[in-house]
Protein backbone atom coordinates (compact mmCIF):
# COMPACT_ATOMS: atom_id res chain seq x y z
CA MET A 1 56.34 26.71 80.37
CA THR A 2 57.41 24.88 83.93
CA THR A 3 59.69 25.69 87.02
CA SER A 4 62.27 23.57 85.47
CA ALA A 5 62.32 24.76 82.11
CA LEU A 6 62.33 28.44 83.43
CA VAL A 7 65.18 28.14 85.16
CA ALA A 8 67.20 25.85 82.84
CA ASP A 9 66.77 28.83 80.64
CA LEU A 10 67.67 31.45 83.45
CA VAL A 11 70.65 29.31 83.40
CA THR A 12 71.20 29.56 79.60
CA GLU A 13 71.14 32.93 79.87
CA PHE A 14 73.58 33.21 82.61
CA LYS A 15 76.31 31.39 80.52
CA THR A 16 75.71 33.66 77.56
CA ASN A 17 75.47 37.16 79.86
CA GLY A 18 76.89 36.60 83.45
CA ARG A 19 79.78 37.97 84.99
CA ILE A 20 81.99 35.77 86.69
CA VAL A 21 85.04 37.03 89.21
CA ILE A 22 87.84 34.81 90.42
CA VAL A 23 89.74 36.37 92.67
CA GLY A 24 93.24 34.26 92.90
CA ALA A 25 95.28 33.79 89.94
CA SER A 26 96.74 30.48 90.74
CA LEU A 27 96.56 26.67 90.12
CA ALA A 28 92.40 26.87 91.78
CA GLY A 29 91.80 29.94 89.89
CA LEU A 30 92.98 28.71 86.34
CA ARG A 31 91.35 25.37 86.54
CA ALA A 32 88.67 27.07 87.43
CA ALA A 33 88.64 29.34 84.83
CA GLU A 34 89.01 26.52 82.14
CA THR A 35 86.49 24.43 83.30
CA LEU A 36 83.99 27.12 83.04
CA ARG A 37 84.62 27.32 79.59
CA ASP A 38 84.79 24.12 78.86
CA GLU A 39 81.21 23.84 80.48
CA GLY A 40 79.78 26.18 77.97
CA PHE A 41 80.30 29.83 79.94
CA ASN A 42 80.17 32.20 77.74
CA GLY A 43 79.99 35.26 79.59
CA GLU A 44 82.45 37.92 81.28
CA LEU A 45 85.52 36.37 82.61
CA THR A 46 87.61 38.27 84.91
CA ILE A 47 90.69 36.65 86.48
CA ILE A 48 92.10 39.08 90.13
CA GLY A 49 95.71 38.11 90.92
CA ASP A 50 97.85 40.15 93.29
CA GLU A 51 101.37 38.87 91.86
CA LYS A 52 101.95 40.09 87.86
CA HIS A 53 103.13 36.82 87.25
CA GLU A 54 100.70 34.33 84.96
CA PRO A 55 99.63 31.17 87.08
CA TYR A 56 102.70 29.18 87.95
CA ASP A 57 103.69 25.93 90.25
CA ARG A 58 104.54 26.10 93.19
CA PRO A 59 105.75 22.66 94.34
CA PRO A 60 109.07 23.07 91.76
CA LEU A 61 109.98 26.15 93.97
CA SER A 62 111.63 24.16 96.75
CA LYS A 63 113.37 21.70 94.76
CA GLN A 64 113.46 21.75 91.35
CA VAL A 65 114.28 25.52 91.05
CA LEU A 66 116.63 25.92 94.59
CA LYS A 67 119.13 23.27 92.66
CA GLY A 68 119.15 25.00 89.85
CA TRP A 69 117.61 22.70 87.57
CA VAL A 70 114.87 25.16 86.87
CA ARG A 71 114.60 28.61 86.46
CA ALA A 72 111.93 30.15 88.90
CA ASP A 73 110.39 31.83 85.78
CA HIS A 74 110.08 28.98 84.05
CA THR A 75 107.48 27.33 85.97
CA VAL A 76 103.84 28.35 84.30
CA LEU A 77 100.99 26.18 84.30
CA PRO A 78 99.95 24.76 81.09
CA ARG A 79 96.87 26.49 79.72
CA MET A 80 94.66 23.44 78.75
CA ARG A 81 92.43 25.77 76.90
CA LYS A 82 92.08 29.25 75.95
CA VAL A 83 89.90 31.05 78.83
CA ASP A 84 89.19 34.64 77.02
CA ALA A 85 89.22 36.01 80.34
CA ASP A 86 90.60 39.71 81.41
CA TRP A 87 93.50 39.46 83.06
CA ARG A 88 94.03 41.88 86.51
CA LEU A 89 97.78 40.63 87.65
CA GLY A 90 99.94 42.82 89.84
CA VAL A 91 96.30 43.91 92.03
CA ALA A 92 95.46 42.81 95.01
CA ALA A 93 91.50 42.46 96.05
CA THR A 94 91.20 44.73 99.14
CA GLY A 95 87.41 44.05 99.61
CA LEU A 96 84.12 42.50 98.79
CA ASP A 97 80.68 44.37 98.64
CA ARG A 98 78.47 42.02 99.34
CA GLY A 99 75.00 44.15 98.68
CA THR A 100 76.52 45.41 95.52
CA LYS A 101 78.20 42.54 94.00
CA GLN A 102 81.53 44.32 93.71
CA VAL A 103 85.05 43.61 94.12
CA ARG A 104 87.47 46.72 95.19
CA LEU A 105 91.00 46.59 94.32
CA ALA A 106 94.16 48.23 95.53
CA ASN A 107 94.40 50.12 92.42
CA GLY A 108 90.53 51.61 93.09
CA ASP A 109 88.76 49.85 90.58
CA HIS A 110 85.55 48.25 90.97
CA VAL A 111 84.68 45.24 89.28
CA PRO A 112 81.17 43.68 89.42
CA TYR A 113 80.14 39.95 89.74
CA ASP A 114 77.04 37.50 89.35
CA ARG A 115 79.29 34.69 90.95
CA LEU A 116 82.52 34.89 92.36
CA LEU A 117 84.93 32.73 93.36
CA ILE A 118 87.92 33.24 96.39
CA ALA A 119 91.08 31.56 95.46
CA THR A 120 93.30 33.51 97.28
CA GLY A 121 95.28 31.37 98.86
CA THR A 122 97.93 31.85 101.81
CA ARG A 123 101.16 33.63 102.35
CA SER A 124 104.52 32.69 104.00
CA ARG A 125 104.26 33.51 107.71
CA PRO A 126 107.38 36.66 107.78
CA TRP A 127 109.64 36.92 110.31
CA PHE A 128 108.50 38.00 113.55
CA ASN A 129 110.83 40.62 113.89
CA PRO A 130 110.27 43.71 111.01
CA LYS A 131 114.03 45.00 111.17
CA GLU A 132 115.68 41.48 111.21
CA ALA A 133 113.43 40.43 108.08
CA ALA A 134 114.88 43.59 105.74
CA LEU A 135 117.90 42.40 106.39
CA GLU A 136 119.98 40.95 102.95
CA GLY A 137 119.82 37.43 102.99
CA VAL A 138 116.25 36.62 105.15
CA PHE A 139 114.20 34.95 103.33
CA THR A 140 111.11 33.09 102.63
CA LEU A 141 109.64 31.02 100.35
CA ARG A 142 106.72 30.90 98.90
CA THR A 143 106.36 32.81 95.27
CA SER A 144 108.33 32.73 92.11
CA ASP A 145 110.24 35.21 92.96
CA ASP A 146 111.65 34.34 96.42
CA ALA A 147 112.63 31.22 94.80
CA GLY A 148 114.47 33.01 92.12
CA ARG A 149 116.47 34.90 94.83
CA LEU A 150 117.13 32.61 97.31
CA ARG A 151 118.51 30.02 94.67
CA ALA A 152 120.51 32.95 93.41
CA ALA A 153 121.43 33.36 97.31
CA LEU A 154 122.52 29.20 97.32
CA ALA A 155 124.24 29.57 94.51
CA ALA A 156 126.62 32.15 95.46
CA LYS A 157 127.66 29.62 98.44
CA PRO A 158 127.31 30.69 101.54
CA GLY A 159 129.37 29.99 104.69
CA ARG A 160 126.11 28.48 106.75
CA VAL A 161 122.26 28.49 106.16
CA LEU A 162 119.71 28.77 108.93
CA ILE A 163 116.19 27.64 108.08
CA VAL A 164 114.07 27.92 110.31
CA GLY A 165 111.48 25.73 110.48
CA ALA A 166 111.46 21.75 109.75
CA GLY A 167 108.02 20.56 107.99
CA PHE A 168 108.43 19.75 104.73
CA ILE A 169 109.33 23.19 102.95
CA GLY A 170 111.95 24.13 105.55
CA SER A 171 113.36 20.29 105.12
CA GLU A 172 113.39 19.66 101.20
CA MET A 173 115.47 22.81 101.58
CA ALA A 174 117.91 21.81 104.10
CA SER A 175 117.91 18.58 101.32
CA VAL A 176 118.86 20.70 98.66
CA CYS A 177 121.28 22.75 100.83
CA ARG A 178 123.32 19.41 101.20
CA GLU A 179 122.98 18.22 97.93
CA LEU A 180 124.86 21.62 97.31
CA GLY A 181 127.00 20.82 99.34
CA LEU A 182 126.19 23.48 101.51
CA ALA A 183 126.75 23.97 105.20
CA VAL A 184 122.86 24.12 106.77
CA THR A 185 121.34 23.95 110.22
CA VAL A 186 117.84 23.93 111.02
CA ALA A 187 116.10 25.04 114.02
CA GLU A 188 112.47 23.64 115.18
CA ARG A 189 110.65 24.39 118.11
CA ALA A 190 108.77 20.76 118.15
CA GLU A 191 110.42 17.36 118.83
CA GLY A 192 111.59 17.17 115.35
CA PRO A 193 111.19 17.52 111.89
CA LEU A 194 107.27 16.74 109.91
CA VAL A 195 105.38 16.10 113.41
CA GLY A 196 103.15 18.53 112.72
CA ALA A 197 101.81 16.31 109.60
CA LEU A 198 103.26 13.50 110.50
CA GLY A 199 103.91 12.60 114.66
CA GLY A 200 106.71 12.21 116.26
CA VAL A 201 107.28 8.54 115.22
CA ILE A 202 107.62 9.53 111.76
CA GLY A 203 110.00 12.56 113.43
CA ASP A 204 112.44 10.35 114.97
CA ILE A 205 113.22 8.46 111.77
CA ALA A 206 113.09 11.96 109.41
CA ALA A 207 115.25 13.70 112.51
CA GLU A 208 118.01 10.42 111.97
CA MET A 209 117.54 11.27 108.64
CA GLN A 210 118.57 14.82 107.83
CA ARG A 211 121.45 14.39 110.50
CA ASP A 212 122.79 10.92 108.78
CA HIS A 213 123.47 13.57 105.41
CA GLY A 214 125.02 16.24 107.90
CA VAL A 215 122.13 18.38 108.83
CA ASP A 216 123.01 20.50 111.91
CA LEU A 217 119.41 19.69 113.40
CA ARG A 218 118.62 21.55 116.45
CA THR A 219 114.87 20.90 117.95
CA GLY A 220 113.33 22.12 120.70
CA VAL A 221 114.74 25.70 120.43
CA SER A 222 113.80 28.54 118.68
CA VAL A 223 115.26 31.48 117.32
CA GLU A 224 115.11 34.59 119.01
CA ALA A 225 116.95 37.27 116.97
CA LEU A 226 119.12 37.87 114.25
CA GLU A 227 121.84 40.53 114.01
CA GLY A 228 123.35 41.84 111.17
CA ASP A 229 126.57 43.47 110.41
CA ALA A 230 127.04 47.29 109.47
CA GLN A 231 126.26 46.79 105.43
CA GLY A 232 122.77 44.94 106.92
CA HIS A 233 123.64 41.55 105.91
CA VAL A 234 122.43 39.00 108.29
CA ARG A 235 125.50 37.63 109.98
CA ARG A 236 124.70 35.45 113.46
CA ALA A 237 121.32 34.21 114.80
CA ARG A 238 120.66 33.89 118.33
CA LEU A 239 119.16 31.04 119.92
CA SER A 240 116.52 30.02 122.77
CA ASP A 241 119.16 27.57 124.27
CA GLY A 242 122.07 30.53 124.84
CA SER A 243 123.97 29.67 121.14
CA THR A 244 124.71 31.51 118.44
CA LEU A 245 125.45 30.53 115.11
CA ASP A 246 127.46 32.95 112.22
CA VAL A 247 125.35 32.61 109.00
CA ASP A 248 125.07 33.97 105.94
CA VAL A 249 121.79 32.91 104.94
CA VAL A 250 118.58 32.69 106.46
CA VAL A 251 114.99 31.10 105.78
CA ALA A 252 112.22 31.49 107.88
CA SER A 253 110.13 28.57 106.68
CA LEU A 254 107.16 29.00 109.74
CA GLY A 255 104.03 27.94 107.88
CA SER A 256 101.67 29.90 105.97
CA ILE A 257 98.60 32.76 106.57
CA ARG A 258 95.50 32.30 104.79
CA ASN A 259 94.74 35.55 102.74
CA THR A 260 91.30 36.16 104.07
CA GLU A 261 91.86 39.80 105.25
CA TRP A 262 90.63 41.50 102.28
CA LEU A 263 87.48 39.88 103.21
CA GLU A 264 87.46 42.03 106.78
CA GLY A 265 83.48 43.20 107.15
CA ALA A 266 81.86 41.49 103.87
CA GLY A 267 80.30 39.03 106.24
CA LEU A 268 81.39 35.66 105.28
CA ALA A 269 82.75 32.64 107.88
CA ALA A 270 86.14 33.91 107.14
CA GLY A 271 89.47 33.95 109.29
CA PHE A 272 92.03 32.42 111.00
CA TRP A 273 91.75 28.72 109.10
CA GLY A 274 90.08 30.35 105.55
CA VAL A 275 86.76 30.59 104.26
CA GLY A 276 83.93 28.14 105.36
CA CYS A 277 82.47 26.52 102.34
CA ASP A 278 79.81 23.21 102.17
CA ALA A 279 80.91 20.65 100.00
CA GLY A 280 79.96 22.29 96.95
CA CYS A 281 82.29 25.05 97.28
CA ARG A 282 79.56 27.39 98.39
CA ALA A 283 80.78 29.77 100.93
CA PHE A 284 78.70 30.15 104.31
CA ASP A 285 77.92 33.78 105.97
CA VAL A 286 78.77 34.60 109.32
CA ASN A 287 75.61 32.73 110.72
CA GLY A 288 76.47 29.59 108.84
CA VAL A 289 73.78 30.28 106.09
CA VAL A 290 75.25 28.90 102.50
CA THR A 291 75.67 31.81 99.88
CA ASP A 292 74.49 31.20 96.52
CA SER A 293 76.82 33.44 94.45
CA ILE A 294 80.36 32.83 96.07
CA TYR A 295 82.12 30.03 95.91
CA VAL A 296 85.76 28.62 97.87
CA ALA A 297 88.82 26.51 96.26
CA GLY A 298 92.48 26.05 97.13
CA ASP A 299 94.10 26.55 100.09
CA ILE A 300 92.11 29.06 101.50
CA ALA A 301 88.73 26.63 101.69
CA ARG A 302 87.43 25.26 104.84
CA ALA A 303 84.51 22.13 104.08
CA PRO A 304 83.50 19.54 106.05
CA HIS A 305 84.58 16.04 105.35
CA VAL A 306 82.34 13.22 105.83
CA LEU A 307 85.69 10.71 106.29
CA TYR A 308 86.48 12.38 109.12
CA ASN A 309 83.20 13.25 111.13
CA TYR A 310 82.14 15.96 109.02
CA GLN A 311 84.66 18.45 110.94
CA PHE A 312 85.53 21.02 108.88
CA LEU A 313 89.00 20.49 106.89
CA VAL A 314 91.71 22.77 105.03
CA LEU A 315 94.43 21.45 103.00
CA GLU A 316 97.38 23.30 101.35
CA HIS A 317 97.76 20.40 98.79
CA TRP A 318 98.30 20.72 94.90
CA ASP A 319 95.27 18.08 93.99
CA ASN A 320 93.15 20.27 96.49
CA ALA A 321 93.40 23.55 94.65
CA GLU A 322 93.55 21.50 91.11
CA PHE A 323 90.32 19.50 91.37
CA GLY A 324 88.56 22.15 94.21
CA GLY A 325 88.97 24.50 91.71
CA ARG A 326 86.98 22.34 88.56
CA VAL A 327 84.16 21.51 91.26
CA ALA A 328 83.72 25.18 92.12
CA ALA A 329 83.53 26.20 88.28
CA HIS A 330 81.28 23.14 87.38
CA ASN A 331 78.77 23.82 90.38
CA MET A 332 79.03 27.95 90.00
CA VAL A 333 77.63 27.17 86.23
CA SER A 334 75.07 23.96 86.98
CA LEU A 335 71.43 23.29 87.94
CA GLU A 336 71.13 21.97 91.66
CA PRO A 337 70.88 18.69 90.41
CA ASP A 338 74.17 18.21 88.45
CA ARG A 339 76.61 19.86 90.93
CA ARG A 340 78.87 17.88 92.66
CA PRO A 341 80.65 17.62 96.09
CA HIS A 342 83.90 18.02 96.64
CA LEU A 343 85.83 15.55 99.04
CA PRO A 344 88.87 15.06 98.52
CA LEU A 345 91.24 12.62 100.35
CA PRO A 346 93.89 14.53 100.92
CA ALA A 347 97.27 13.20 99.86
CA PHE A 348 100.84 14.64 99.45
CA TRP A 349 104.25 13.96 98.39
CA SER A 350 108.00 15.09 99.51
CA GLY A 351 111.54 14.34 97.90
CA GLN A 352 114.17 14.39 100.61
CA PHE A 353 117.22 13.24 101.41
CA GLY A 354 116.73 10.53 98.72
CA VAL A 355 113.65 9.64 100.24
CA ASN A 356 110.34 10.20 98.26
CA ILE A 357 107.47 10.68 101.25
CA LYS A 358 103.89 10.33 100.03
CA GLY A 359 101.20 10.38 102.66
CA VAL A 360 97.23 9.41 102.01
CA GLY A 361 94.51 10.77 104.42
CA VAL A 362 94.71 13.26 107.94
CA GLY A 363 97.33 11.56 110.06
CA PRO A 364 96.79 14.42 112.98
CA PHE A 365 93.07 12.99 113.34
CA GLY A 366 94.51 10.02 114.37
CA ASP A 367 96.42 9.10 117.93
CA GLU A 368 98.16 5.31 116.83
CA ILE A 369 100.45 4.54 114.83
CA VAL A 370 102.02 0.91 113.00
CA ILE A 371 104.77 0.32 111.25
CA THR A 372 102.70 -2.14 108.07
CA GLN A 373 105.46 -2.76 105.74
CA GLY A 374 108.54 -3.01 104.55
CA SER A 375 111.86 -1.60 107.21
CA VAL A 376 112.09 1.69 109.28
CA LYS A 377 115.70 0.95 108.85
CA ASP A 378 116.19 0.93 105.09
CA ARG A 379 113.90 3.98 104.98
CA ARG A 380 111.97 2.15 102.98
CA PHE A 381 108.69 1.33 104.92
CA ALA A 382 104.61 1.92 105.24
CA ALA A 383 102.74 2.79 108.18
CA ALA A 384 99.17 3.62 108.87
CA TYR A 385 97.65 6.05 111.38
CA GLY A 386 94.36 4.47 113.69
CA ARG A 387 91.51 6.32 115.67
CA GLN A 388 89.03 4.66 117.69
CA GLY A 389 89.29 1.33 115.48
CA ARG A 390 89.75 2.45 112.03
CA ILE A 391 92.43 3.62 109.85
CA VAL A 392 92.52 7.05 108.68
CA ALA A 393 95.53 7.84 107.33
CA ALA A 394 98.76 6.65 105.94
CA VAL A 395 102.21 7.41 105.07
CA THR A 396 105.29 5.64 102.80
CA PHE A 397 109.05 6.29 102.32
CA ASN A 398 110.18 4.86 99.20
CA HIS A 399 107.31 2.84 99.34
CA GLY A 400 104.60 4.77 97.10
CA LYS A 401 103.43 2.12 95.12
CA TRP A 402 100.66 0.93 97.86
CA LEU A 403 99.27 4.29 98.42
CA GLU A 404 96.49 3.57 96.45
CA TYR A 405 96.02 0.36 98.72
CA TYR A 406 95.67 2.68 101.73
CA GLY A 407 94.15 5.03 100.17
CA ALA A 408 90.99 2.57 99.09
CA LEU A 409 91.11 1.11 103.10
CA ILE A 410 90.37 4.65 104.67
CA GLU A 411 87.78 5.58 102.43
CA ARG A 412 86.10 2.56 103.28
CA SER A 413 86.99 3.20 107.09
CA ALA A 414 88.47 -0.08 107.54
CA PRO A 415 89.78 -1.42 110.85
CA PHE A 416 92.85 -0.41 112.63
CA PRO A 417 95.24 -2.42 112.65
CA PRO A 418 94.48 -2.67 108.91
CA PRO A 419 94.22 -6.09 107.43
CA PRO A 420 98.07 -7.51 106.52
CA PRO A 421 99.01 -6.80 103.40
CA GLY A 422 100.17 -9.65 100.62
CA TYR A 423 103.70 -9.36 101.47
CA ASP A 424 106.66 -7.19 102.67
CA GLN A 425 105.07 -7.16 106.10
CA ALA A 426 106.58 -5.69 109.10
CA ASP A 427 107.77 -7.31 112.05
CA GLY A 428 105.48 -7.26 114.83
CA MET A 429 103.02 -4.66 113.85
CA GLU A 430 101.66 -2.97 117.25
CA PRO A 431 100.15 0.17 117.30
CA ILE A 432 101.94 2.52 119.36
CA PRO A 433 101.22 6.54 120.20
CA ALA A 434 101.47 8.54 117.07
CA ARG A 435 102.66 11.63 119.15
CA PHE A 436 101.40 14.50 117.40
CA PRO A 437 101.63 17.79 118.87
CA ASP A 438 99.06 20.02 120.39
CA PRO A 439 97.34 21.44 116.80
CA ARG A 440 96.72 24.52 118.20
CA VAL A 441 100.88 25.45 118.78
CA LEU A 442 102.31 27.69 115.76
CA THR A 443 104.93 25.51 114.78
CA GLY A 444 102.52 21.89 115.03
CA VAL A 445 99.67 23.47 112.26
CA PRO A 446 100.54 21.17 109.24
CA ASP A 447 99.37 21.38 106.16
CA VAL A 448 96.40 19.50 106.36
CA VAL A 449 93.97 20.68 109.45
CA LEU A 450 90.86 19.89 110.79
CA THR A 451 89.13 22.56 112.62
CA GLY A 452 86.16 21.55 113.93
CA HIS A 453 82.29 21.61 113.43
CA ASP A 454 81.47 25.02 112.91
CA PRO A 455 81.92 27.20 109.90
CA THR A 456 82.49 30.08 112.15
CA ASP A 457 84.15 28.30 114.89
CA ARG A 458 87.33 30.03 116.38
CA VAL A 459 88.20 27.81 118.87
CA ALA A 460 91.35 26.31 117.35
CA ALA A 461 92.76 29.67 116.43
CA PHE A 462 96.84 29.98 117.78
CA ARG A 463 97.35 33.08 119.80
CA PRO A 464 100.75 34.09 120.17
CA LYS A 465 102.32 35.35 123.38
CA LYS A 466 103.60 38.58 123.83
CA ARG A 467 107.25 39.29 123.43
């Protein structure tokens, strides 16, 4: 028997009798499980999730759920096929023993595996003061339970809502508040909304959009403390500029934390930015050596990208979880020549204040921006980002039909400024500085981050000042 035939027999045997564990009952985890079954894996499949719910869709939580259009418990993801798995829901993974190939659970169980998929994603960054965070009326928004509680609070018609942080989620929540007729203040330490993801030029446009819709937008300020009444309900916020606000609901929209703590001591390249892996989703160890039995997918995956100088890229986007889970699963049960890379061109969308914002590429990789089509005044335009003479990203406001065009330019490293589009050209088309903040500043961390060339790089890690 030839070596290739022997290896093929081993793969067939693994598909029949192997054990695969997926940690993370998420979009990435579910799509990975479905793909494993589609590709003929008939062995033991275990899916572990710290939430009690089946995998659900997160984008509607800050939009349709808060508006009351959809119930929070009606966001369960559709099953594309039966996965026939052992679901361990409501119990968190607390450790990984690579020597014995076991995942430790919070209830004391040990789950053995032959191959493991890490898809534990992220969680909301909590309010910095635990006592203040425990006040009634203080929320974060990440889970369906979070969305259900916040929806009930908004439906009660609070006098004023304070949203701390003006990233995409914070801005979407502010938009919902205005649609519901609620007074809302947004406090943002950066110079404007969305600046971490889209830069100061677009941030200026987003700020104008918010204020035109009645949002009390406070930029360049932070919230230093929250105060409650005798019943333990939040009633006042103190800002860094010395002002105070009377508030009934506070939402901390401070970004996310990647769920890597359970991997401490496992010897993987895991840390602040996620778990380092190659373009085929195989995890790196702390020395930069690729593993054979551990794969990574979704928000927690940190992989090199050919379009961005092979820097490691992390992105918290729906498409990344959907397709990353599928690629990881395919590679887990495939021979080397059949394995595929996961090299997504980051893409996102956001609906806020009557505008459909769509983007493609990695905006913070660029240092210049040019308005290429449409009218900023009418909030219907396209803009491209450039770096060293090539286009690296694009964003559209109510002009999404052109996004595929810009995506194709980015994928072939077209020149910047890009070639003039066929029609609807903007006046001037002169590049200007995009004004991105320092990526190491906490409030400037966008949903898409380039984190250097070393799989164990810690250079960009944010270290908050001591209070």
